[in-house]
C-alpha cells in the first residue's frame, strides 16, 4: 500500500503552530475553552472514548480526524467519491485500503465498518495506531499528541503537500478547539490547546507553492493522467461541484491516476482556503460535456449536509469565480455559472438543494436568475440539414453528450451533425433520415439515467423528463425540475397515448418508451 514519503524520525526542531497552513477557526463549530470535556454519555462520545482507550490513540486527536473527514456524519454507509466510508472515512480504492486494514486489525467485518459508527471509529483508531507503530512511536511518545503528526499524515494515504495539508488541518482543529454537533444532535467537544506538531518526518516540499493562475490559492498538481493538456473550446462557464469527501482527500484523489477525475480548484469548508490542481489552460475531467469549455470548482463537503457550506467558503469561492469571470469574459449569470447537476449529460446532483445560489451569485456580483442550459424550449421544431439557430445548437450539445460526434455546437446543421444524428437514430431503431423530428427529439432529450420519478421528485432527471414530454406530446411542459401536478398529468397523458400502464409515475417502462422515441 503506497505511503506518504517519510524520513528518519528526529525530535529536533518541532514546528510551532504559526507554521500550520490552516489558521481559521472551524466555521461550523464554536470556540472551545481549555476546560476538560464533560464525561462522555452519548453514543458518539462513548465510541471515541472506547476506541481511544483500546488502541492508545489520544481521544481528541481521533475526534479531530473524524471531524475533518466527515463532520462526524457517517452518511448511512454511503461512499465518498474516493470510496471511503463512515465518520473516519475508511477507504477501499486502489491506493487506500484502510477499510481492509481496519477489518484485519479489529476483526470486524467490512460491512459493519462501513455502516456502524462505533465500529468505524474503532477501525479508524486501529489504523492510526498501526501507523504510529510502524513509525516506532513508543508509549511515552504516544501520550504526546504532537508526536502523532506523521501518523495522521499517513492516515490520509496522500503524498507530499496533500498529506501535509491533511495533517495541518487536523492539528489546527486541536489548536483552536471545536464544538461540533453531529447529525443526530449529539455534541462532540475538542478543547483547545497549544500544539507544536513534529513535522520533521513528513515530506511537504511544495506545500506552500502558490497557484500559477490565482495568486490567492495554493498549487498541488493533479496526476497528468487525470486531465487533458490544452483546450478544444473557449472557456465560457464555471461549474460548481461538491467533493463528497474532505478537502485534502479530494486533492489526493486527483493525484491518484486510477481516479480519472480532477477539477481546477478545490475550496476548503472551514476557512475558504483554495488549492489549484489543474491549470486553467488545461481540461480538467469534472463535468463530461462541459469539460472543454469550463472551469471546475470543487467545494469540500457533502450535498446532504449544509454544515459544510460556510460563509468563508461561499465568499472565497465567489471571489475566485468573479476573478475567472473577469479573466475569461464569462457572463455573471446562471447560464454561465452552473451546478454540476445542470450540465447536459451528467447524472450528479451536486451542489444540491442546500447550496444557496442567490447568496452565491450576490457575492459573485452577478444575477441570480435561473440556470440556463440551452436545451429548454416551449416547443421543439424539426431540425435538419440547412437549419440553424439555438435548437440546432441544442441538438449538437445532446448528441455530443451521448458520444455522437456532432462537431462544434455552433448552431449550424451541417454534415457532421447529420451523420451524428443518423448514428443516434440507428442506435435507437429510429428511421435514420438525419432529421431531428418529434421522435428523435424525444429520444435525445430523455437520454441519460433512468431513476424512478414521481410527484415530489426534483432535479436534472425531472428536467429531462419534462423536456422529452414537451417534444413527445407537442405541448409545453414547464421544465423547472420539479415533479408537480402538471408534470404528473403530462406523464399520465403520455402513458395513455402510448399504451403504457397509467399511474403518473416514471419507471422503466415509461423511460424506455421515451428513450426509444415513442
Protein backbone atom coordinates (compact mmCIF):
# COMPACT_ATOMS: atom_id res chain seq x y z
CA UNK A 1 0.00 0.00 0.00
CA UNK A 2 1.58 3.34 -1.02
CA UNK A 3 2.54 5.59 1.86
CA UNK A 4 3.46 9.23 2.29
CA UNK A 5 7.20 9.80 1.96
CA UNK A 6 8.93 9.97 5.35
CA UNK A 7 12.47 10.34 6.58
CA UNK A 8 14.08 9.03 9.77
CA UNK A 9 12.42 10.32 12.92
CA UNK A 10 14.12 13.10 14.85
CA UNK A 11 12.80 15.22 17.67
CA UNK A 12 14.75 18.34 16.80
CA UNK A 13 13.12 21.48 15.57
CA UNK A 14 9.45 20.78 16.24
CA UNK A 15 7.31 23.21 14.26
CA UNK A 16 5.24 25.85 16.01
CA UNK A 17 1.58 26.47 15.44
CA UNK A 18 2.27 29.50 13.32
CA UNK A 19 3.74 27.22 10.67
CA UNK A 20 0.45 25.47 10.12
CA UNK A 21 -1.12 26.07 6.75
CA UNK A 22 -4.59 26.46 8.26
CA UNK A 23 -5.35 29.21 10.74
CA UNK A 24 -9.07 29.93 10.66
CA UNK A 25 -11.46 28.54 13.26
CA UNK A 26 -13.78 25.83 12.05
CA UNK A 27 -16.79 27.77 10.84
CA UNK A 28 -19.25 25.09 11.79
CA UNK A 29 -18.14 25.00 15.41
CA UNK A 30 -17.71 27.40 18.30
CA UNK A 31 -14.53 28.31 20.19
CA UNK A 32 -13.84 25.75 22.88
CA UNK A 33 -12.43 26.53 26.29
CA UNK A 34 -9.39 24.86 27.73
CA UNK A 35 -11.56 23.15 30.37
CA UNK A 36 -11.75 19.35 30.15
CA UNK A 37 -14.62 17.92 28.14
CA UNK A 38 -17.56 16.65 30.24
CA UNK A 39 -17.84 12.90 30.79
CA UNK A 40 -18.97 11.16 27.63
CA UNK A 41 -22.52 9.88 27.96
CA UNK A 42 -23.74 9.75 24.37
CA UNK A 43 -23.03 7.11 21.68
CA UNK A 44 -20.59 9.09 19.55
CA UNK A 45 -18.59 10.30 22.55
CA UNK A 46 -18.57 6.80 24.01
CA UNK A 47 -17.29 5.44 20.70
CA UNK A 48 -14.40 7.91 20.62
CA UNK A 49 -13.55 7.20 24.27
CA UNK A 50 -13.63 3.42 23.82
CA UNK A 51 -11.56 3.46 20.64
CA UNK A 52 -9.02 5.83 22.18
CA UNK A 53 -8.58 3.56 25.21
CA UNK A 54 -8.44 0.34 23.22
CA UNK A 55 -5.80 1.50 20.74
CA UNK A 56 -3.91 4.11 22.76
CA UNK A 57 -4.78 6.99 20.44
CA UNK A 58 -5.41 10.42 22.01
CA UNK A 59 -9.19 10.84 22.12
CA UNK A 60 -9.18 14.45 20.91
CA UNK A 61 -6.87 13.59 18.02
CA UNK A 62 -9.22 10.80 16.98
CA UNK A 63 -12.22 13.14 17.15
CA UNK A 64 -10.39 15.84 15.15
CA UNK A 65 -9.54 13.33 12.41
CA UNK A 66 -13.18 12.20 12.28
CA UNK A 67 -14.44 15.78 12.19
CA UNK A 68 -12.07 16.70 9.37
CA UNK A 69 -13.06 13.64 7.36
CA UNK A 70 -16.82 13.71 7.75
CA UNK A 71 -18.14 16.42 10.12
CA UNK A 72 -18.98 13.33 12.21
CA UNK A 73 -21.58 12.18 9.67
CA UNK A 74 -21.40 8.52 8.62
CA UNK A 75 -23.82 9.07 5.69
CA UNK A 76 -25.60 5.79 6.43
CA UNK A 77 -22.79 3.78 4.88
CA UNK A 78 -22.78 5.64 1.56
CA UNK A 79 -19.31 6.01 0.00
CA UNK A 80 -17.40 9.20 -0.73
CA UNK A 81 -16.05 9.89 -4.20
CA UNK A 82 -12.88 8.03 -3.14
CA UNK A 83 -14.96 5.07 -1.92
CA UNK A 84 -14.44 5.92 1.73
CA UNK A 85 -16.96 5.13 4.46
CA UNK A 86 -18.17 6.43 7.77
CA UNK A 87 -17.07 9.05 10.25
CA UNK A 88 -13.42 8.01 9.91
CA UNK A 89 -13.56 7.62 6.11
CA UNK A 90 -12.24 4.08 5.93
CA UNK A 91 -11.46 3.74 2.25
CA UNK A 92 -11.29 0.93 -0.26
CA UNK A 93 -9.66 2.04 -3.51
CA UNK A 94 -6.50 1.06 -5.39
CA UNK A 95 -4.25 3.36 -3.33
CA UNK A 96 -6.04 3.43 0.02
CA UNK A 97 -7.07 0.15 1.64
CA UNK A 98 -7.76 1.48 5.14
CA UNK A 99 -11.12 -0.31 5.23
CA UNK A 100 -9.48 -3.67 4.65
CA UNK A 101 -6.70 -2.82 7.09
CA UNK A 102 -9.25 -1.87 9.77
CA UNK A 103 -11.07 -5.16 9.23
CA UNK A 104 -7.84 -7.12 9.67
CA UNK A 105 -6.78 -5.17 12.78
CA UNK A 106 -10.14 -5.21 14.58
CA UNK A 107 -11.68 -8.45 13.36
CA UNK A 108 -14.81 -6.54 12.39
CA UNK A 109 -16.42 -7.38 9.01
CA UNK A 110 -16.04 -4.71 6.34
CA UNK A 111 -19.80 -4.20 6.03
CA UNK A 112 -20.09 -3.36 9.75
CA UNK A 113 -17.14 -0.99 9.49
CA UNK A 114 -18.94 0.78 6.66
CA UNK A 115 -22.30 1.18 8.38
CA UNK A 116 -21.81 1.05 12.16
CA UNK A 117 -20.39 4.31 13.52
CA UNK A 118 -18.87 2.81 16.68
CA UNK A 119 -17.14 0.08 14.68
CA UNK A 120 -15.99 2.64 12.12
CA UNK A 121 -14.40 4.81 14.82
CA UNK A 122 -12.75 1.75 16.34
CA UNK A 123 -11.39 0.87 12.89
CA UNK A 124 -10.04 4.38 12.41
CA UNK A 125 -8.26 4.22 15.77
CA UNK A 126 -6.76 0.85 14.86
CA UNK A 127 -5.40 2.20 11.58
CA UNK A 128 -3.95 5.29 13.27
CA UNK A 129 -2.27 3.12 15.90
CA UNK A 130 -0.85 0.86 13.18
CA UNK A 131 0.74 3.89 11.51
CA UNK A 132 2.16 5.00 14.87
CA UNK A 133 3.64 1.56 15.48
CA UNK A 134 5.22 1.47 12.05
CA UNK A 135 6.76 4.87 12.77
CA UNK A 136 8.20 3.47 16.00
CA UNK A 137 6.29 5.65 18.48
CA UNK A 138 6.75 4.25 21.98
CA UNK A 139 4.29 4.52 24.88
CA UNK A 140 5.66 7.85 26.10
CA UNK A 141 5.58 9.38 22.61
CA UNK A 142 2.05 8.16 22.06
CA UNK A 143 0.93 10.25 25.04
CA UNK A 144 2.24 13.38 23.25
CA UNK A 145 -0.31 14.46 20.67
CA UNK A 146 2.41 16.33 18.72
CA UNK A 147 4.23 13.06 18.02
CA UNK A 148 1.20 11.81 16.08
CA UNK A 149 1.56 14.30 13.22
CA UNK A 150 3.34 11.89 10.83
CA UNK A 151 0.83 9.12 11.69
CA UNK A 152 -2.03 11.47 10.84
CA UNK A 153 -0.31 12.37 7.57
CA UNK A 154 -0.03 8.67 6.77
CA UNK A 155 -3.69 8.13 7.65
CA UNK A 156 -4.58 10.41 4.71
CA UNK A 157 -2.77 7.99 2.34
CA UNK A 158 -1.81 11.14 0.43
CA UNK A 159 1.68 12.15 -0.57
CA UNK A 160 3.77 15.27 -0.08
CA UNK A 161 1.76 18.51 0.03
CA UNK A 162 -1.64 16.82 0.22
CA UNK A 163 -0.55 14.77 3.24
CA UNK A 164 0.78 17.89 4.94
CA UNK A 165 -2.43 19.80 4.22
CA UNK A 166 -4.40 16.96 5.76
CA UNK A 167 -2.35 16.75 8.94
CA UNK A 168 -2.17 20.55 9.29
CA UNK A 169 -5.96 20.73 9.22
CA UNK A 170 -6.32 18.15 12.00
CA UNK A 171 -3.78 19.93 14.19
CA UNK A 172 -5.49 23.26 13.63
CA UNK A 173 -8.71 21.71 14.97
CA UNK A 174 -6.72 20.62 18.03
CA UNK A 175 -5.12 24.04 18.46
CA UNK A 176 -8.30 26.06 18.13
CA UNK A 177 -10.73 23.55 19.56
CA UNK A 178 -14.15 22.75 18.25
CA UNK A 179 -17.67 22.15 19.41
CA UNK A 180 -19.36 20.05 16.75
CA UNK A 181 -22.95 18.90 16.52
CA UNK A 182 -23.31 15.54 14.80
CA UNK A 183 -26.32 14.90 12.52
CA UNK A 184 -28.19 13.11 15.33
CA UNK A 185 -27.84 16.14 17.60
CA UNK A 186 -25.03 14.84 19.81
CA UNK A 187 -22.30 17.36 20.70
CA UNK A 188 -18.62 16.42 20.48
CA UNK A 189 -16.08 18.79 22.01
CA UNK A 190 -12.36 19.08 21.49
CA UNK A 191 -10.76 21.59 23.90
CA UNK A 192 -8.19 23.99 22.50
CA UNK A 193 -4.57 23.51 23.47
CA UNK A 194 -1.09 24.67 22.39
CA UNK A 195 0.36 22.41 19.73
CA UNK A 196 3.82 22.08 18.20
CA UNK A 197 3.48 19.14 15.79
CA UNK A 198 6.54 17.12 14.92
CA UNK A 199 6.68 17.68 11.16
CA UNK A 200 10.25 16.57 10.60
CA UNK A 201 9.26 13.24 9.10
CA UNK A 202 6.64 14.41 6.61
CA UNK A 203 7.82 15.43 3.16
CA UNK A 204 5.88 18.57 2.39
CA UNK A 205 8.03 20.06 -0.32
CA UNK A 206 5.96 22.49 -2.33
CA UNK A 207 3.07 22.72 0.14
CA UNK A 208 3.45 26.48 0.22
CA UNK A 209 3.70 26.83 -3.57
CA UNK A 210 1.31 29.40 -4.95
CA UNK A 211 -1.15 28.83 -7.78
CA UNK A 212 0.21 29.87 -11.17
CA UNK A 213 -3.23 31.19 -12.22
CA UNK A 214 -4.78 32.53 -9.00
CA UNK A 215 -2.25 34.03 -6.56
CA UNK A 216 -4.54 33.57 -3.54
CA UNK A 217 -4.52 29.78 -3.98
CA UNK A 218 -2.01 27.02 -3.27
CA UNK A 219 -0.75 24.74 -6.05
CA UNK A 220 -0.83 20.93 -5.70
CA UNK A 221 -0.98 19.43 -9.22
CA UNK A 222 -3.24 16.54 -10.13
CA UNK A 223 -1.87 13.48 -11.87
CA UNK A 224 -1.23 14.18 -15.55
CA UNK A 225 -3.35 11.09 -16.27
CA UNK A 226 -6.44 12.79 -14.82
CA UNK A 227 -6.77 15.72 -17.22
CA UNK A 228 -6.05 16.66 -20.82
CA UNK A 229 -3.43 19.19 -21.84
CA UNK A 230 -4.88 22.23 -23.60
CA UNK A 231 -8.44 23.12 -24.59
CA UNK A 232 -10.65 22.31 -27.57
CA UNK A 233 -13.15 25.07 -26.79
CA UNK A 234 -13.22 28.59 -25.37
CA UNK A 235 -13.73 28.86 -21.61
CA UNK A 236 -17.25 30.20 -21.14
CA UNK A 237 -18.56 28.85 -17.84
CA UNK A 238 -17.80 27.92 -14.25
CA UNK A 239 -19.14 24.62 -12.87
CA UNK A 240 -19.81 24.34 -9.13
CA UNK A 241 -19.23 20.92 -7.53
CA UNK A 242 -19.28 19.38 -4.05
CA UNK A 243 -16.48 16.93 -3.30
CA UNK A 244 -18.43 14.24 -1.39
CA UNK A 245 -15.31 13.98 0.74
CA UNK A 246 -12.70 16.08 2.51
CA UNK A 247 -10.56 18.86 1.11
CA UNK A 248 -7.19 17.15 1.38
CA UNK A 249 -8.74 13.81 0.50
CA UNK A 250 -10.10 15.22 -2.76
CA UNK A 251 -6.77 16.80 -3.66
CA UNK A 252 -5.13 13.44 -3.00
CA UNK A 253 -7.77 11.65 -5.10
CA UNK A 254 -6.94 13.91 -8.04
CA UNK A 255 -3.29 12.87 -7.66
CA UNK A 256 -4.29 9.21 -7.99
CA UNK A 257 -4.03 8.12 -11.66
CA UNK A 258 -6.72 5.50 -11.07
CA UNK A 259 -9.37 8.12 -10.24
CA UNK A 260 -9.61 9.53 -13.78
CA UNK A 261 -11.15 12.74 -12.37
CA UNK A 262 -9.93 16.21 -11.48
CA UNK A 263 -11.04 19.79 -11.05
CA UNK A 264 -9.24 23.08 -11.48
CA UNK A 265 -9.73 24.29 -7.90
CA UNK A 266 -10.74 22.84 -4.51
CA UNK A 267 -12.18 25.11 -1.76
CA UNK A 268 -12.00 24.21 1.94
CA UNK A 269 -15.05 24.48 4.17
CA UNK A 270 -13.57 25.79 7.41
CA UNK A 271 -11.76 28.87 6.12
CA UNK A 272 -12.19 29.04 2.34
CA UNK A 273 -8.60 28.08 1.55
CA UNK A 274 -8.20 27.26 -2.17
CA UNK A 275 -5.86 24.81 -3.85
CA UNK A 276 -5.46 24.70 -7.62
CA UNK A 277 -4.83 21.22 -9.05
CA UNK A 278 -5.15 21.76 -12.83
CA UNK A 279 -4.06 24.83 -14.80
CA UNK A 280 -6.86 26.92 -16.28
CA UNK A 281 -5.45 26.35 -19.76
CA UNK A 282 -5.88 22.57 -19.41
CA UNK A 283 -9.04 20.46 -19.49
CA UNK A 284 -9.92 19.00 -16.10
CA UNK A 285 -12.24 15.97 -16.09
CA UNK A 286 -15.13 17.06 -13.95
CA UNK A 287 -18.30 17.65 -15.98
CA UNK A 288 -18.35 15.43 -19.08
CA UNK A 289 -19.86 17.52 -21.88
CA UNK A 290 -18.69 20.81 -20.31
CA UNK A 291 -15.09 19.80 -19.63
CA UNK A 292 -13.57 21.55 -22.62
CA UNK A 293 -15.39 24.85 -22.05
CA UNK A 294 -15.45 25.23 -18.28
CA UNK A 295 -13.50 25.76 -15.08
CA UNK A 296 -14.42 23.25 -12.36
CA UNK A 297 -14.63 24.32 -8.70
CA UNK A 298 -14.88 21.58 -6.06
CA UNK A 299 -16.22 22.58 -2.64
CA UNK A 300 -15.38 20.46 0.39
CA UNK A 301 -18.45 18.73 1.79
CA UNK A 302 -21.44 16.53 1.11
CA UNK A 303 -24.60 17.58 -0.71
CA UNK A 304 -26.89 16.37 2.07
CA UNK A 305 -25.18 18.28 4.92
CA UNK A 306 -25.45 22.10 4.79
CA UNK A 307 -22.99 22.45 7.68
CA UNK A 308 -20.15 22.26 5.15
CA UNK A 309 -21.31 25.34 3.23
CA UNK A 310 -19.79 28.03 5.43
CA UNK A 311 -19.73 31.75 4.80
CA UNK A 312 -15.96 31.59 4.47
CA UNK A 313 -16.33 29.02 1.70
CA UNK A 314 -19.03 30.99 -0.14
CA UNK A 315 -17.02 34.21 -0.03
CA UNK A 316 -13.73 32.62 -1.08
CA UNK A 317 -15.34 30.67 -3.92
CA UNK A 318 -17.29 33.71 -5.12
CA UNK A 319 -14.12 35.80 -5.22
CA UNK A 320 -12.49 33.09 -7.35
CA UNK A 321 -15.49 32.88 -9.68
CA UNK A 322 -15.56 36.67 -10.04
CA UNK A 323 -11.85 36.59 -10.93
CA UNK A 324 -12.43 33.85 -13.52
CA UNK A 325 -15.40 35.72 -15.00
CA UNK A 326 -13.27 38.83 -15.47
CA UNK A 327 -10.28 36.94 -16.85
CA UNK A 328 -12.21 34.83 -19.37
CA UNK A 329 -15.14 37.17 -20.14
CA UNK A 330 -17.65 34.76 -18.58
CA UNK A 331 -21.06 36.42 -18.04
CA UNK A 332 -22.01 36.52 -14.36
CA UNK A 333 -25.35 34.78 -14.71
CA UNK A 334 -26.84 31.36 -14.06
CA UNK A 335 -26.46 30.37 -17.69
CA UNK A 336 -22.68 30.50 -17.36
CA UNK A 337 -22.20 29.84 -13.63
CA UNK A 338 -23.88 26.48 -13.13
CA UNK A 339 -24.02 23.44 -10.89
CA UNK A 340 -22.71 20.04 -11.89
CA UNK A 341 -26.29 18.77 -11.99
CA UNK A 342 -27.19 21.41 -14.58
CA UNK A 343 -24.60 20.35 -17.16
CA UNK A 344 -26.12 18.28 -20.01
CA UNK A 345 -25.23 14.60 -19.97
CA UNK A 346 -24.45 14.43 -16.24
CA UNK A 347 -26.12 12.28 -13.59
CA UNK A 348 -24.78 14.07 -10.49
CA UNK A 349 -26.87 16.05 -8.00
CA UNK A 350 -24.27 18.50 -6.69
CA UNK A 351 -24.16 21.12 -5.39
CA UNK A 352 -27.65 20.08 -4.20
CA UNK A 353 -30.61 21.81 -2.60
CA UNK A 354 -28.59 23.24 0.32
CA UNK A 355 -26.33 25.35 -1.91
CA UNK A 356 -27.56 28.96 -1.69
CA UNK A 357 -27.38 30.13 -5.29
CA UNK A 358 -28.95 33.54 -4.60
CA UNK A 359 -26.35 34.35 -1.94
CA UNK A 360 -23.51 32.97 -4.04
CA UNK A 361 -24.46 34.96 -7.11
CA UNK A 362 -24.86 38.07 -4.97
CA UNK A 363 -21.28 37.58 -3.73
CA UNK A 364 -20.07 36.98 -7.28
CA UNK A 365 -21.67 40.26 -8.28
CA UNK A 366 -23.96 38.70 -10.85
CA UNK A 367 -27.61 37.98 -11.49
CA UNK A 368 -29.18 35.06 -9.55
CA UNK A 369 -31.79 34.26 -12.21
CA UNK A 370 -32.35 30.62 -13.14
CA UNK A 371 -29.95 28.15 -14.73
CA UNK A 372 -29.98 28.13 -18.50
CA UNK A 373 -28.60 25.13 -20.32
CA UNK A 374 -29.73 26.00 -23.86
CA UNK A 375 -31.90 22.85 -24.01
CA UNK A 376 -35.30 24.08 -22.85
CA UNK A 377 -37.82 25.42 -25.38
CA UNK A 378 -41.63 25.75 -25.31
CA UNK A 379 -41.71 23.50 -28.39
CA UNK A 380 -39.22 21.56 -30.48
CA UNK A 381 -39.25 22.13 -34.26
CA UNK A 382 -37.83 19.77 -36.89
CA UNK A 383 -34.10 20.39 -37.39
CA UNK A 384 -32.31 19.13 -40.49
CA UNK A 385 -29.56 19.91 -42.99
CA UNK A 386 -29.52 23.66 -43.58
CA UNK A 387 -31.24 24.53 -40.28
CA UNK A 388 -29.51 26.92 -37.88
CA UNK A 389 -30.10 28.56 -34.53
CA UNK A 390 -30.36 27.67 -30.84
CA UNK A 391 -32.31 24.44 -31.37
CA UNK A 392 -29.63 23.11 -33.69
CA UNK A 393 -27.09 24.01 -31.01
CA UNK A 394 -29.20 22.04 -28.51
CA UNK A 395 -29.19 19.03 -30.85
CA UNK A 396 -25.42 19.23 -31.15
CA UNK A 397 -24.96 19.50 -27.39
CA UNK A 398 -27.20 16.49 -26.77
CA UNK A 399 -25.53 14.37 -29.44
CA UNK A 400 -22.03 15.23 -28.21
CA UNK A 401 -23.05 14.48 -24.62
CA UNK A 402 -24.17 11.00 -25.69
CA UNK A 403 -20.91 10.31 -27.51
CA UNK A 404 -22.05 11.06 -31.07
CA UNK A 405 -19.60 13.44 -32.77
CA UNK A 406 -21.78 16.30 -33.99
CA UNK A 407 -18.83 18.69 -34.15
CA UNK A 408 -18.68 22.09 -32.51
CA UNK A 409 -22.01 23.25 -31.07
CA UNK A 410 -22.14 26.21 -33.47
CA UNK A 411 -25.87 26.09 -34.24
CA UNK A 412 -25.36 25.13 -37.89
CA UNK A 413 -26.81 21.79 -39.05
CA UNK A 414 -24.05 20.55 -41.34
CA UNK A 415 -22.79 17.12 -42.47
CA UNK A 416 -21.23 16.23 -39.12
CA UNK A 417 -24.48 16.92 -37.27
CA UNK A 418 -26.47 14.91 -39.81
CA UNK A 419 -24.07 11.97 -39.60
CA UNK A 420 -24.20 12.01 -35.78
CA UNK A 421 -28.00 12.21 -35.87
CA UNK A 422 -28.20 9.18 -38.16
CA UNK A 423 -25.88 7.20 -35.91
CA UNK A 424 -28.03 8.07 -32.88
CA UNK A 425 -31.22 7.15 -34.77
CA UNK A 426 -29.83 3.78 -35.78
CA UNK A 427 -28.84 3.05 -32.18
CA UNK A 428 -32.44 3.80 -31.09
CA UNK A 429 -34.03 1.86 -34.01
CA UNK A 430 -35.49 5.08 -35.40
CA UNK A 431 -35.71 5.97 -39.09
CA UNK A 432 -32.16 7.11 -39.87
CA UNK A 433 -33.09 10.08 -42.07
CA UNK A 434 -30.74 12.53 -40.32
CA UNK A 435 -33.59 14.90 -39.45
CA UNK A 436 -34.48 15.66 -35.83
CA UNK A 437 -38.25 15.41 -35.60
CA UNK A 438 -40.50 14.66 -32.57
CA UNK A 439 -39.31 11.06 -32.11
CA UNK A 440 -35.62 11.87 -32.31
CA UNK A 441 -36.10 14.94 -30.09
CA UNK A 442 -37.88 12.78 -27.51
CA UNK A 443 -35.12 10.18 -27.51
CA UNK A 444 -32.36 12.80 -27.34
CA UNK A 445 -33.94 14.87 -24.58
CA UNK A 446 -34.68 11.85 -22.38
CA UNK A 447 -31.26 10.19 -22.80
CA UNK A 448 -29.37 9.52 -19.60
CA UNK A 449 -30.01 7.77 -16.31
CA UNK A 450 -33.46 6.35 -15.58
CA UNK A 451 -34.28 6.91 -11.90
CA UNK A 452 -37.79 6.24 -10.62
CA UNK A 453 -39.67 9.54 -10.56
CA UNK A 454 -43.00 10.52 -9.04
CA UNK A 455 -44.74 13.56 -7.62
CA UNK A 456 -42.32 15.29 -5.26
CA UNK A 457 -39.18 14.30 -7.19
CA UNK A 458 -36.83 17.05 -8.31
CA UNK A 459 -33.56 17.62 -10.12
CA UNK A 460 -31.98 17.19 -13.52
CA UNK A 461 -33.73 13.89 -14.30
CA UNK A 462 -37.09 15.62 -13.85
CA UNK A 463 -35.95 18.36 -16.25
CA UNK A 464 -35.04 15.73 -18.84
CA UNK A 465 -38.44 14.14 -18.37
CA UNK A 466 -40.23 17.46 -18.78
CA UNK A 467 -38.33 18.40 -21.93
CA UNK A 468 -38.88 15.00 -23.52
CA UNK A 469 -42.61 15.13 -22.71
CA UNK A 470 -42.77 18.55 -24.40
CA UNK A 471 -41.27 17.01 -27.54
CA UNK A 472 -43.36 13.83 -27.40
CA UNK A 473 -46.74 15.45 -26.68
CA UNK A 474 -46.29 18.61 -28.72
CA UNK A 475 -47.43 20.72 -25.75
CA UNK A 476 -45.28 22.68 -23.34
CA UNK A 477 -44.40 21.04 -20.02
CA UNK A 478 -42.57 23.55 -17.84
CA UNK A 479 -39.01 22.27 -17.37
CA UNK A 480 -38.46 23.54 -13.85
CA UNK A 481 -37.05 20.31 -12.43
CA UNK A 482 -39.96 19.89 -10.01
CA UNK A 483 -42.36 16.95 -10.43
CA UNK A 484 -45.68 18.55 -9.55
CA UNK A 485 -49.32 18.02 -10.57
CA UNK A 486 -48.81 19.41 -14.09
CA UNK A 487 -45.92 17.05 -14.78
CA UNK A 488 -47.89 14.13 -13.36
CA UNK A 489 -50.81 14.95 -15.70
CA UNK A 490 -48.40 15.08 -18.67
CA UNK A 491 -46.94 11.70 -17.67
CA UNK A 492 -50.42 10.17 -17.49
CA UNK A 493 -51.30 11.62 -20.89
CA UNK A 494 -48.11 10.20 -22.39
CA UNK A 495 -48.63 6.78 -20.80
CA UNK A 496 -52.21 6.60 -22.01
CA UNK A 497 -51.34 7.63 -25.58
CA UNK A 498 -48.51 5.08 -25.78
CA UNK A 499 -50.45 2.14 -24.36
CA UNK A 500 -48.49 2.07 -21.11
CA UNK A 501 -49.78 1.43 -17.62
CA UNK A 502 -51.21 4.78 -16.48
CA UNK A 503 -50.03 5.59 -12.94
CA UNK A 504 -48.45 9.03 -13.34
CA UNK A 505 -45.08 7.63 -12.21
CA UNK A 506 -41.97 7.24 -14.33
CA UNK A 507 -40.40 3.81 -14.10
CA UNK A 508 -38.51 1.57 -16.53
CA UNK A 509 -41.41 1.22 -18.99
CA UNK A 510 -42.02 4.97 -19.32
CA UNK A 511 -38.33 5.80 -19.53
CA UNK A 512 -37.85 3.02 -22.08
CA UNK A 513 -40.61 4.41 -24.28
CA UNK A 514 -39.25 7.95 -24.11
CA UNK A 515 -35.68 6.90 -24.84
CA UNK A 516 -36.90 4.85 -27.80
CA UNK A 517 -38.54 7.99 -29.20
CA UNK A 518 -42.11 6.73 -28.89
